[in-house]
Amino acid sequence: MFDNLFSLEGRVALITGGSRGIGEMIAEGYVRAGAKVYITARKAPECLATAERLSEFGTCIALPGDASGADGAKALAAKFLEHESKLDI
């Protein structure tokens, strides 16, 4: 019963700043709970490395880039929509 209490199975999440610190911890928690997680960060090598490490626990996909400002947010949304048609978290 309690195994499903915090399940995020079937959910799609996008974590900005997901390559380190609090963002990385949130991303790991979501991946471990069953969500398909996309992370973004300005530093591509770190973003890719974190996604690879978190993929040991489930699905984590890197979308490196600068999401700051309106143009950055639009570019991130366009990248995300190349992969998914919905966003839950």
PDB file of N, CA and C in Angstrom:
ATOM      1  N   MET A   1       0.821  -1.194   0.000  1.00  0.00           N
ATOM      2  CA  MET A   1       0.000   0.000   0.000  1.00  0.00           C
ATOM      3  C   MET A   1       0.866   1.259   0.000  1.00  0.00           C
ATOM      4  N   PHE A   2       1.843   1.322   0.908  1.00  0.00           N
ATOM      5  CA  PHE A   2       2.658   2.527   1.022  1.00  0.00           C
ATOM      6  C   PHE A   2       3.669   2.662  -0.105  1.00  0.00           C
ATOM      7  N   ASP A   3       3.915   1.581  -0.862  1.00  0.00           N
ATOM      8  CA  ASP A   3       4.829   1.668  -1.991  1.00  0.00           C
ATOM      9  C   ASP A   3       4.317   2.662  -3.030  1.00  0.00           C
ATOM     10  N   ASN A   4       3.029   2.794  -3.161  1.00  0.00           N
ATOM     11  CA  ASN A   4       2.436   3.673  -4.163  1.00  0.00           C
ATOM     12  C   ASN A   4       2.069   5.051  -3.615  1.00  0.00           C
ATOM     13  N   LEU A   5       2.250   5.253  -2.332  1.00  0.00           N
ATOM     14  CA  LEU A   5       1.822   6.488  -1.690  1.00  0.00           C
ATOM     15  C   LEU A   5       2.448   7.730  -2.333  1.00  0.00           C
ATOM     16  N   PHE A   6       3.723   7.646  -2.657  1.00  0.00           N
ATOM     17  CA  PHE A   6       4.422   8.782  -3.233  1.00  0.00           C
ATOM     18  C   PHE A   6       4.860   8.527  -4.676  1.00  0.00           C
ATOM     19  N   SER A   7       4.193   7.630  -5.345  1.00  0.00           N
ATOM     20  CA  SER A   7       4.556   7.275  -6.718  1.00  0.00           C
ATOM     21  C   SER A   7       4.280   8.430  -7.682  1.00  0.00           C
ATOM     22  N   LEU A   8       5.229   8.633  -8.577  1.00  0.00           N
ATOM     23  CA  LEU A   8       5.056   9.599  -9.661  1.00  0.00           C
ATOM     24  C   LEU A   8       5.085   8.886 -11.001  1.00  0.00           C
ATOM     25  N   GLU A   9       4.809   7.603 -10.971  1.00  0.00           N
ATOM     26  CA  GLU A   9       4.792   6.781 -12.184  1.00  0.00           C
ATOM     27  C   GLU A   9       3.870   7.405 -13.222  1.00  0.00           C
ATOM     28  N   GLY A  10       4.357   7.510 -14.456  1.00  0.00           N
ATOM     29  CA  GLY A  10       3.553   8.070 -15.539  1.00  0.00           C
ATOM     30  C   GLY A  10       3.565   9.584 -15.609  1.00  0.00           C
ATOM     31  N   ARG A  11       4.262  10.241 -14.686  1.00  0.00           N
ATOM     32  CA  ARG A  11       4.330  11.714 -14.676  1.00  0.00           C
ATOM     33  C   ARG A  11       5.592  12.182 -15.382  1.00  0.00           C
ATOM     34  N   VAL A  12       5.531  13.379 -15.937  1.00  0.00           N
ATOM     35  CA  VAL A  12       6.672  13.990 -16.610  1.00  0.00           C
ATOM     36  C   VAL A  12       7.023  15.274 -15.859  1.00  0.00           C
ATOM     37  N   ALA A  13       8.313  15.402 -15.508  1.00  0.00           N
ATOM     38  CA  ALA A  13       8.773  16.564 -14.741  1.00  0.00           C
ATOM     39  C   ALA A  13       9.892  17.278 -15.489  1.00  0.00           C
ATOM     40  N   LEU A  14       9.978  18.583 -15.291  1.00  0.00           N
ATOM     41  CA  LEU A  14      11.060  19.395 -15.834  1.00  0.00           C
ATOM     42  C   LEU A  14      11.663  20.174 -14.670  1.00  0.00           C
ATOM     43  N   ILE A  15      12.961  19.984 -14.442  1.00  0.00           N
ATOM     44  CA  ILE A  15      13.651  20.634 -13.335  1.00  0.00           C
ATOM     45  C   ILE A  15      14.697  21.590 -13.899  1.00  0.00           C
ATOM     46  N   THR A  16      14.515  22.880 -13.685  1.00  0.00           N
ATOM     47  CA  THR A  16      15.542  23.841 -14.080  1.00  0.00           C
ATOM     48  C   THR A  16      16.603  23.858 -12.989  1.00  0.00           C
ATOM     49  N   GLY A  17      17.844  24.035 -13.387  1.00  0.00           N
ATOM     50  CA  GLY A  17      18.939  23.974 -12.418  1.00  0.00           C
ATOM     51  C   GLY A  17      19.087  22.577 -11.846  1.00  0.00           C
ATOM     52  N   GLY A  18      18.775  21.580 -12.650  1.00  0.00           N
ATOM     53  CA  GLY A  18      18.731  20.204 -12.161  1.00  0.00           C
ATOM     54  C   GLY A  18      20.052  19.467 -12.150  1.00  0.00           C
ATOM     55  N   SER A  19      21.144  20.131 -12.493  1.00  0.00           N
ATOM     56  CA  SER A  19      22.418  19.412 -12.568  1.00  0.00           C
ATOM     57  C   SER A  19      23.186  19.392 -11.256  1.00  0.00           C
ATOM     58  N   ARG A  20      22.778  20.217 -10.280  1.00  0.00           N
ATOM     59  CA  ARG A  20      23.498  20.226  -9.006  1.00  0.00           C
ATOM     60  C   ARG A  20      22.633  20.830  -7.905  1.00  0.00           C
ATOM     61  N   GLY A  21      23.097  20.703  -6.687  1.00  0.00           N
ATOM     62  CA  GLY A  21      22.435  21.306  -5.542  1.00  0.00           C
ATOM     63  C   GLY A  21      21.014  20.814  -5.325  1.00  0.00           C
ATOM     64  N   ILE A  22      20.160  21.727  -4.918  1.00  0.00           N
ATOM     65  CA  ILE A  22      18.773  21.391  -4.606  1.00  0.00           C
ATOM     66  C   ILE A  22      18.048  20.859  -5.839  1.00  0.00           C
ATOM     67  N   GLY A  23      18.305  21.440  -7.009  1.00  0.00           N
ATOM     68  CA  GLY A  23      17.672  20.959  -8.239  1.00  0.00           C
ATOM     69  C   GLY A  23      18.006  19.510  -8.514  1.00  0.00           C
ATOM     70  N   GLU A  24      19.266  19.131  -8.310  1.00  0.00           N
ATOM     71  CA  GLU A  24      19.678  17.741  -8.510  1.00  0.00           C
ATOM     72  C   GLU A  24      18.978  16.821  -7.511  1.00  0.00           C
ATOM     73  N   MET A  25      18.870  17.267  -6.256  1.00  0.00           N
ATOM     74  CA  MET A  25      18.196  16.446  -5.244  1.00  0.00           C
ATOM     75  C   MET A  25      16.720  16.244  -5.584  1.00  0.00           C
ATOM     76  N   ILE A  26      16.072  17.291  -6.061  1.00  0.00           N
ATOM     77  CA  ILE A  26      14.667  17.186  -6.462  1.00  0.00           C
ATOM     78  C   ILE A  26      14.541  16.221  -7.642  1.00  0.00           C
ATOM     79  N   ALA A  27      15.413  16.388  -8.627  1.00  0.00           N
ATOM     80  CA  ALA A  27      15.379  15.512  -9.800  1.00  0.00           C
ATOM     81  C   ALA A  27      15.568  14.054  -9.388  1.00  0.00           C
ATOM     82  N   GLU A  28      16.517  13.784  -8.512  1.00  0.00           N
ATOM     83  CA  GLU A  28      16.743  12.408  -8.072  1.00  0.00           C
ATOM     84  C   GLU A  28      15.516  11.847  -7.357  1.00  0.00           C
ATOM     85  N   GLY A  29      14.895  12.646  -6.507  1.00  0.00           N
ATOM     86  CA  GLY A  29      13.696  12.194  -5.813  1.00  0.00           C
ATOM     87  C   GLY A  29      12.573  11.848  -6.777  1.00  0.00           C
ATOM     88  N   TYR A  30      12.384  12.696  -7.781  1.00  0.00           N
ATOM     89  CA  TYR A  30      11.338  12.433  -8.771  1.00  0.00           C
ATOM     90  C   TYR A  30      11.645  11.190  -9.595  1.00  0.00           C
ATOM     91  N   VAL A  31      12.917  11.042 -10.010  1.00  0.00           N
ATOM     92  CA  VAL A  31      13.296   9.853 -10.786  1.00  0.00           C
ATOM     93  C   VAL A  31      13.057   8.595  -9.957  1.00  0.00           C
ATOM     94  N   ARG A  32      13.502   8.619  -8.715  1.00  0.00           N
ATOM     95  CA  ARG A  32      13.330   7.444  -7.843  1.00  0.00           C
ATOM     96  C   ARG A  32      11.853   7.136  -7.583  1.00  0.00           C
ATOM     97  N   ALA A  33      10.998   8.168  -7.655  1.00  0.00           N
ATOM     98  CA  ALA A  33       9.560   7.976  -7.440  1.00  0.00           C
ATOM     99  C   ALA A  33       8.844   7.543  -8.717  1.00  0.00           C
ATOM    100  N   GLY A  34       9.601   7.409  -9.824  1.00  0.00           N
ATOM    101  CA  GLY A  34       9.007   6.876 -11.045  1.00  0.00           C
ATOM    102  C   GLY A  34       8.700   7.868 -12.142  1.00  0.00           C
ATOM    103  N   ALA A  35       8.975   9.148 -11.925  1.00  0.00           N
ATOM    104  CA  ALA A  35       8.692  10.151 -12.956  1.00  0.00           C
ATOM    105  C   ALA A  35       9.737  10.086 -14.066  1.00  0.00           C
ATOM    106  N   LYS A  36       9.346  10.491 -15.241  1.00  0.00           N
ATOM    107  CA  LYS A  36      10.276  10.724 -16.339  1.00  0.00           C
ATOM    108  C   LYS A  36      10.718  12.165 -16.171  1.00  0.00           C
ATOM    109  N   VAL A  37      12.015  12.372 -15.920  1.00  0.00           N
ATOM    110  CA  VAL A  37      12.510  13.685 -15.532  1.00  0.00           C
ATOM    111  C   VAL A  37      13.434  14.275 -16.598  1.00  0.00           C
ATOM    112  N   TYR A  38      13.185  15.526 -16.928  1.00  0.00           N
ATOM    113  CA  TYR A  38      14.064  16.304 -17.787  1.00  0.00           C
ATOM    114  C   TYR A  38      14.741  17.329 -16.894  1.00  0.00           C
ATOM    115  N   ILE A  39      16.069  17.457 -17.037  1.00  0.00           N
ATOM    116  CA  ILE A  39      16.777  18.481 -16.287  1.00  0.00           C
ATOM    117  C   ILE A  39      17.421  19.453 -17.266  1.00  0.00           C
ATOM    118  N   THR A  40      17.536  20.698 -16.838  1.00  0.00           N
ATOM    119  CA  THR A  40      18.203  21.699 -17.643  1.00  0.00           C
ATOM    120  C   THR A  40      19.181  22.468 -16.772  1.00  0.00           C
ATOM    121  N   ALA A  41      20.267  22.904 -17.386  1.00  0.00           N
ATOM    122  CA  ALA A  41      21.286  23.716 -16.726  1.00  0.00           C
ATOM    123  C   ALA A  41      22.119  24.380 -17.807  1.00  0.00           C
ATOM    124  N   ARG A  42      22.748  25.485 -17.452  1.00  0.00           N
ATOM    125  CA  ARG A  42      23.550  26.221 -18.431  1.00  0.00           C
ATOM    126  C   ARG A  42      24.808  25.474 -18.837  1.00  0.00           C
ATOM    127  N   LYS A  43      25.402  24.747 -17.914  1.00  0.00           N
ATOM    128  CA  LYS A  43      26.653  24.036 -18.193  1.00  0.00           C
ATOM    129  C   LYS A  43      26.326  22.641 -18.728  1.00  0.00           C
ATOM    130  N   ALA A  44      26.449  22.490 -20.047  1.00  0.00           N
ATOM    131  CA  ALA A  44      26.060  21.244 -20.714  1.00  0.00           C
ATOM    132  C   ALA A  44      26.781  20.007 -20.172  1.00  0.00           C
ATOM    133  N   PRO A  45      28.105  20.034 -19.972  1.00  0.00           N
ATOM    134  CA  PRO A  45      28.763  18.811 -19.488  1.00  0.00           C
ATOM    135  C   PRO A  45      28.212  18.323 -18.144  1.00  0.00           C
ATOM    136  N   GLU A  46      27.973  19.257 -17.226  1.00  0.00           N
ATOM    137  CA  GLU A  46      27.436  18.885 -15.918  1.00  0.00           C
ATOM    138  C   GLU A  46      25.998  18.370 -16.031  1.00  0.00           C
ATOM    139  N   CYS A  47      25.210  19.008 -16.887  1.00  0.00           N
ATOM    140  CA  CYS A  47      23.826  18.596 -17.094  1.00  0.00           C
ATOM    141  C   CYS A  47      23.773  17.173 -17.651  1.00  0.00           C
ATOM    142  N   LEU A  48      24.603  16.904 -18.656  1.00  0.00           N
ATOM    143  CA  LEU A  48      24.642  15.572 -19.264  1.00  0.00           C
ATOM    144  C   LEU A  48      25.134  14.522 -18.267  1.00  0.00           C
ATOM    145  N   ALA A  49      26.152  14.858 -17.475  1.00  0.00           N
ATOM    146  CA  ALA A  49      26.692  13.911 -16.497  1.00  0.00           C
ATOM    147  C   ALA A  49      25.669  13.587 -15.409  1.00  0.00           C
ATOM    148  N   THR A  50      24.961  14.595 -14.942  1.00  0.00           N
ATOM    149  CA  THR A  50      23.947  14.366 -13.911  1.00  0.00           C
ATOM    150  C   THR A  50      22.812  13.503 -14.445  1.00  0.00           C
ATOM    151  N   ALA A  51      22.356  13.793 -15.658  1.00  0.00           N
ATOM    152  CA  ALA A  51      21.281  12.989 -16.251  1.00  0.00           C
ATOM    153  C   ALA A  51      21.724  11.536 -16.403  1.00  0.00           C
ATOM    154  N   GLU A  52      22.966  11.329 -16.804  1.00  0.00           N
ATOM    155  CA  GLU A  52      23.470   9.965 -16.948  1.00  0.00           C
ATOM    156  C   GLU A  52      23.493   9.252 -15.597  1.00  0.00           C
ATOM    157  N   ARG A  53      23.969   9.957 -14.564  1.00  0.00           N
ATOM    158  CA  ARG A  53      24.023   9.357 -13.224  1.00  0.00           C
ATOM    159  C   ARG A  53      22.624   9.039 -12.699  1.00  0.00           C
ATOM    160  N   LEU A  54      21.692   9.967 -12.858  1.00  0.00           N
ATOM    161  CA  LEU A  54      20.339   9.752 -12.348  1.00  0.00           C
ATOM    162  C   LEU A  54      19.581   8.694 -13.141  1.00  0.00           C
ATOM    163  N   SER A  55      19.999   8.442 -14.362  1.00  0.00           N
ATOM    164  CA  SER A  55      19.351   7.414 -15.180  1.00  0.00           C
ATOM    165  C   SER A  55      19.564   6.007 -14.632  1.00  0.00           C
ATOM    166  N   GLU A  56      20.485   5.866 -13.683  1.00  0.00           N
ATOM    167  CA  GLU A  56      20.651   4.576 -12.997  1.00  0.00           C
ATOM    168  C   GLU A  56      19.398   4.219 -12.202  1.00  0.00           C
ATOM    169  N   PHE A  57      18.601   5.225 -11.833  1.00  0.00           N
ATOM    170  CA  PHE A  57      17.424   5.025 -10.988  1.00  0.00           C
ATOM    171  C   PHE A  57      16.115   5.080 -11.763  1.00  0.00           C
ATOM    172  N   GLY A  58      16.158   5.484 -13.017  1.00  0.00           N
ATOM    173  CA  GLY A  58      14.951   5.647 -13.828  1.00  0.00           C
ATOM    174  C   GLY A  58      15.284   6.471 -15.056  1.00  0.00           C
ATOM    175  N   THR A  59      14.320   7.232 -15.530  1.00  0.00           N
ATOM    176  CA  THR A  59      14.522   8.014 -16.750  1.00  0.00           C
ATOM    177  C   THR A  59      14.827   9.463 -16.424  1.00  0.00           C
ATOM    178  N   CYS A  60      16.017   9.910 -16.840  1.00  0.00           N
ATOM    179  CA  CYS A  60      16.421  11.303 -16.677  1.00  0.00           C
ATOM    180  C   CYS A  60      17.091  11.748 -17.969  1.00  0.00           C
ATOM    181  N   ILE A  61      16.608  12.838 -18.531  1.00  0.00           N
ATOM    182  CA  ILE A  61      17.068  13.327 -19.826  1.00  0.00           C
ATOM    183  C   ILE A  61      17.562  14.765 -19.674  1.00  0.00           C
ATOM    184  N   ALA A  62      18.753  15.028 -20.205  1.00  0.00           N
ATOM    185  CA  ALA A  62      19.337  16.365 -20.143  1.00  0.00           C
ATOM    186  C   ALA A  62      18.858  17.227 -21.302  1.00  0.00           C
ATOM    187  N   LEU A  63      18.509  18.461 -20.977  1.00  0.00           N
ATOM    188  CA  LEU A  63      18.195  19.490 -21.984  1.00  0.00           C
ATOM    189  C   LEU A  63      19.045  20.719 -21.642  1.00  0.00           C
ATOM    190  N   PRO A  64      20.356  20.674 -21.928  1.00  0.00           N
ATOM    191  CA  PRO A  64      21.214  21.791 -21.546  1.00  0.00           C
ATOM    192  C   PRO A  64      20.812  23.087 -22.238  1.00  0.00           C
ATOM    193  N   GLY A  65      20.960  24.187 -21.511  1.00  0.00           N
ATOM    194  CA  GLY A  65      20.667  25.493 -22.089  1.00  0.00           C
ATOM    195  C   GLY A  65      20.394  26.509 -20.996  1.00  0.00           C
ATOM    196  N   ASP A  66      20.350  27.753 -21.385  1.00  0.00           N
ATOM    197  CA  ASP A  66      20.093  28.853 -20.463  1.00  0.00           C
ATOM    198  C   ASP A  66      18.605  29.197 -20.518  1.00  0.00           C
ATOM    199  N   ALA A  67      17.881  28.883 -19.464  1.00  0.00           N
ATOM    200  CA  ALA A  67      16.434  29.097 -19.427  1.00  0.00           C
ATOM    201  C   ALA A  67      16.059  30.458 -18.848  1.00  0.00           C
ATOM    202  N   SER A  68      17.051  31.310 -18.605  1.00  0.00           N
ATOM    203  CA  SER A  68      16.725  32.609 -18.020  1.00  0.00           C
ATOM    204  C   SER A  68      16.136  33.546 -19.076  1.00  0.00           C
ATOM    205  N   GLY A  69      15.272  34.415 -18.631  1.00  0.00           N
ATOM    206  CA  GLY A  69      14.633  35.378 -19.524  1.00  0.00           C
ATOM    207  C   GLY A  69      13.573  34.734 -20.407  1.00  0.00           C
ATOM    208  N   ALA A  70      12.814  35.575 -21.064  1.00  0.00           N
ATOM    209  CA  ALA A  70      11.711  35.096 -21.907  1.00  0.00           C
ATOM    210  C   ALA A  70      12.221  34.267 -23.077  1.00  0.00           C
ATOM    211  N   ASP A  71      13.288  34.717 -23.725  1.00  0.00           N
ATOM    212  CA  ASP A  71      13.811  33.971 -24.863  1.00  0.00           C
ATOM    213  C   ASP A  71      14.340  32.605 -24.446  1.00  0.00           C
ATOM    214  N   GLY A  72      15.028  32.554 -23.305  1.00  0.00           N
ATOM    215  CA  GLY A  72      15.538  31.287 -22.795  1.00  0.00           C
ATOM    216  C   GLY A  72      14.417  30.328 -22.439  1.00  0.00           C
ATOM    217  N   ALA A  73      13.367  30.851 -21.824  1.00  0.00           N
ATOM    218  CA  ALA A  73      12.219  30.010 -21.462  1.00  0.00           C
ATOM    219  C   ALA A  73      11.519  29.468 -22.708  1.00  0.00           C
ATOM    220  N   LYS A  74      11.395  30.308 -23.716  1.00  0.00           N
ATOM    221  CA  LYS A  74      10.771  29.859 -24.971  1.00  0.00           C
ATOM    222  C   LYS A  74      11.620  28.787 -25.649  1.00  0.00           C
ATOM    223  N   ALA A  75      12.936  28.959 -25.645  1.00  0.00           N
ATOM    224  CA  ALA A  75      13.831  27.964 -26.247  1.00  0.00           C
ATOM    225  C   ALA A  75      13.749  26.639 -25.496  1.00  0.00           C
ATOM    226  N   LEU A  76      13.700  26.700 -24.168  1.00  0.00           N
ATOM    227  CA  LEU A  76      13.570  25.479 -23.366  1.00  0.00           C
ATOM    228  C   LEU A  76      12.241  24.792 -23.657  1.00  0.00           C
ATOM    229  N   ALA A  77      11.162  25.561 -23.727  1.00  0.00           N
ATOM    230  CA  ALA A  77       9.848  24.986 -24.025  1.00  0.00           C
ATOM    231  C   ALA A  77       9.855  24.298 -25.388  1.00  0.00           C
ATOM    232  N   ALA A  78      10.481  24.917 -26.371  1.00  0.00           N
ATOM    233  CA  ALA A  78      10.550  24.319 -27.706  1.00  0.00           C
ATOM    234  C   ALA A  78      11.331  23.008 -27.680  1.00  0.00           C
ATOM    235  N   LYS A  79      12.473  22.979 -26.960  1.00  0.00           N
ATOM    236  CA  LYS A  79      13.258  21.740 -26.828  1.00  0.00           C
ATOM    237  C   LYS A  79      12.440  20.657 -26.150  1.00  0.00           C
ATOM    238  N   PHE A  80      11.752  21.037 -25.072  1.00  0.00           N
ATOM    239  CA  PHE A  80      10.950  20.075 -24.320  1.00  0.00           C
ATOM    240  C   PHE A  80       9.843  19.493 -25.199  1.00  0.00           C
ATOM    241  N   LEU A  81       9.185  20.340 -25.974  1.00  0.00           N
ATOM    242  CA  LEU A  81       8.076  19.895 -26.820  1.00  0.00           C
ATOM    243  C   LEU A  81       8.518  19.010 -27.978  1.00  0.00           C
ATOM    244  N   GLU A  82       9.813  18.960 -28.253  1.00  0.00           N
ATOM    245  CA  GLU A  82      10.332  18.005 -29.235  1.00  0.00           C
ATOM    246  C   GLU A  82      10.252  16.573 -28.697  1.00  0.00           C
ATOM    247  N   HIS A  83      10.154  16.437 -27.374  1.00  0.00           N
ATOM    248  CA  HIS A  83      10.158  15.139 -26.716  1.00  0.00           C
ATOM    249  C   HIS A  83       8.797  14.744 -26.119  1.00  0.00           C
ATOM    250  N   GLU A  84       8.069  15.728 -25.638  1.00  0.00           N
ATOM    251  CA  GLU A  84       6.834  15.463 -24.875  1.00  0.00           C
ATOM    252  C   GLU A  84       5.700  16.357 -25.342  1.00  0.00           C
ATOM    253  N   SER A  85       4.467  15.885 -25.097  1.00  0.00           N
ATOM    254  CA  SER A  85       3.296  16.706 -25.399  1.00  0.00           C
ATOM    255  C   SER A  85       2.607  17.197 -24.136  1.00  0.00           C
ATOM    256  N   LYS A  86       3.113  16.753 -22.961  1.00  0.00           N
ATOM    257  CA  LYS A  86       2.505  17.185 -21.700  1.00  0.00           C
ATOM    258  C   LYS A  86       3.591  17.358 -20.654  1.00  0.00           C
ATOM    259  N   LEU A  87       3.294  18.166 -19.649  1.00  0.00           N
ATOM    260  CA  LEU A  87       4.180  18.396 -18.519  1.00  0.00           C
ATOM    261  C   LEU A  87       3.327  18.350 -17.256  1.00  0.00           C
ATOM    262  N   ASP A  88       3.701  17.466 -16.323  1.00  0.00           N
ATOM    263  CA  ASP A  88       2.937  17.338 -15.091  1.00  0.00           C
ATOM    264  C   ASP A  88       3.548  18.142 -13.944  1.00  0.00           C
ATOM    265  N   ILE A  89       4.874  18.165 -13.890  1.00  0.00           N
ATOM    266  CA  ILE A  89       5.557  18.786 -12.754  1.00  0.00           C
ATOM    267  C   ILE A  89       6.634  19.711 -13.275  1.00  0.00           C
TER     268      ILE A  89
END
